[in-house]
Protein backbone atom coordinates (compact mmCIF):
# COMPACT_ATOMS: atom_id res chain seq x y z
CA UNK A 1 116.83 86.92 123.30
CA UNK A 2 114.25 84.30 122.18
CA UNK A 3 114.37 83.07 118.61
CA UNK A 4 111.71 84.24 116.16
CA UNK A 5 109.86 81.85 113.87
CA UNK A 6 110.13 83.80 110.60
CA UNK A 7 107.59 81.57 108.84
CA UNK A 8 104.82 82.56 111.23
CA UNK A 9 105.31 86.30 110.90
CA UNK A 10 103.25 88.58 108.70
CA UNK A 11 105.04 91.34 106.74
CA UNK A 12 104.16 93.94 109.38
CA UNK A 13 105.67 91.78 112.14
CA UNK A 14 108.89 90.99 110.27
CA UNK A 15 111.76 92.44 112.32
CA UNK A 16 113.87 92.73 109.16
CA UNK A 17 111.31 95.04 107.55
CA UNK A 18 112.70 98.46 106.69
CA UNK A 19 110.34 101.41 106.63
CA UNK A 20 112.17 104.64 105.81
CA UNK A 21 111.82 107.51 108.23
CA UNK A 22 114.95 109.58 107.63
CA UNK A 23 116.75 110.55 104.42
CA UNK A 24 119.57 108.18 105.43
CA UNK A 25 117.16 105.22 105.31
CA UNK A 26 116.89 105.60 101.52
CA UNK A 27 120.63 105.51 100.76
CA UNK A 28 121.11 101.71 100.80
CA UNK A 29 118.36 101.26 98.19
CA UNK A 30 118.68 104.46 96.16
CA UNK A 31 120.53 102.77 93.29
CA UNK A 32 117.93 99.97 93.06
CA UNK A 33 115.07 102.49 93.02
CA UNK A 34 116.78 104.55 90.32
CA UNK A 35 117.34 101.43 88.20
CA UNK A 36 113.73 100.28 88.49
CA UNK A 37 112.15 103.69 87.91
CA UNK A 38 114.37 105.42 85.37
CA UNK A 39 116.06 102.56 83.52
CA UNK A 40 113.31 99.92 83.59
CA UNK A 41 110.44 102.47 83.45
CA UNK A 42 108.50 100.72 86.21
CA UNK A 43 105.39 102.38 87.59
CA UNK A 44 105.51 103.46 91.22
CA UNK A 45 103.18 100.75 92.54
CA UNK A 46 105.19 98.05 90.76
CA UNK A 47 108.46 99.56 91.97
CA UNK A 48 107.17 99.47 95.54
CA UNK A 49 106.21 95.80 95.25
CA UNK A 50 109.64 94.91 93.85
CA UNK A 51 111.39 96.81 96.65
CA UNK A 52 109.29 94.98 99.24
CA UNK A 53 110.02 91.56 97.72
CA UNK A 54 113.72 92.01 96.91
CA UNK A 55 114.92 94.40 99.60
CA UNK A 56 112.34 94.10 102.40
CA UNK A 57 111.93 97.87 101.98
CA UNK A 58 108.44 99.22 102.66
CA UNK A 59 107.81 102.83 101.69
CA UNK A 60 104.63 104.79 101.22
CA UNK A 61 104.03 107.50 98.69
CA UNK A 62 102.57 110.93 99.15
CA UNK A 63 103.64 114.33 100.27
CA UNK A 64 105.81 114.60 103.30
CA UNK A 65 104.56 117.23 105.69
CA UNK A 66 107.57 116.96 107.98
CA UNK A 67 109.59 120.12 108.39
């Protein structure tokens, strides 16, 4: 497998980027989200930016229409 120059990648190309799809994807960061939202009273947009910067976790907000 060829090496990847991490400096040249944009966020969307970063292979380490985590975008949750299943409920299980949230478990590794659930405690951090709870801390930021409930304990530190961060607003959702700020929480999302912190999660991106600290945990490479990229989530969107809105209603899930999946059944």
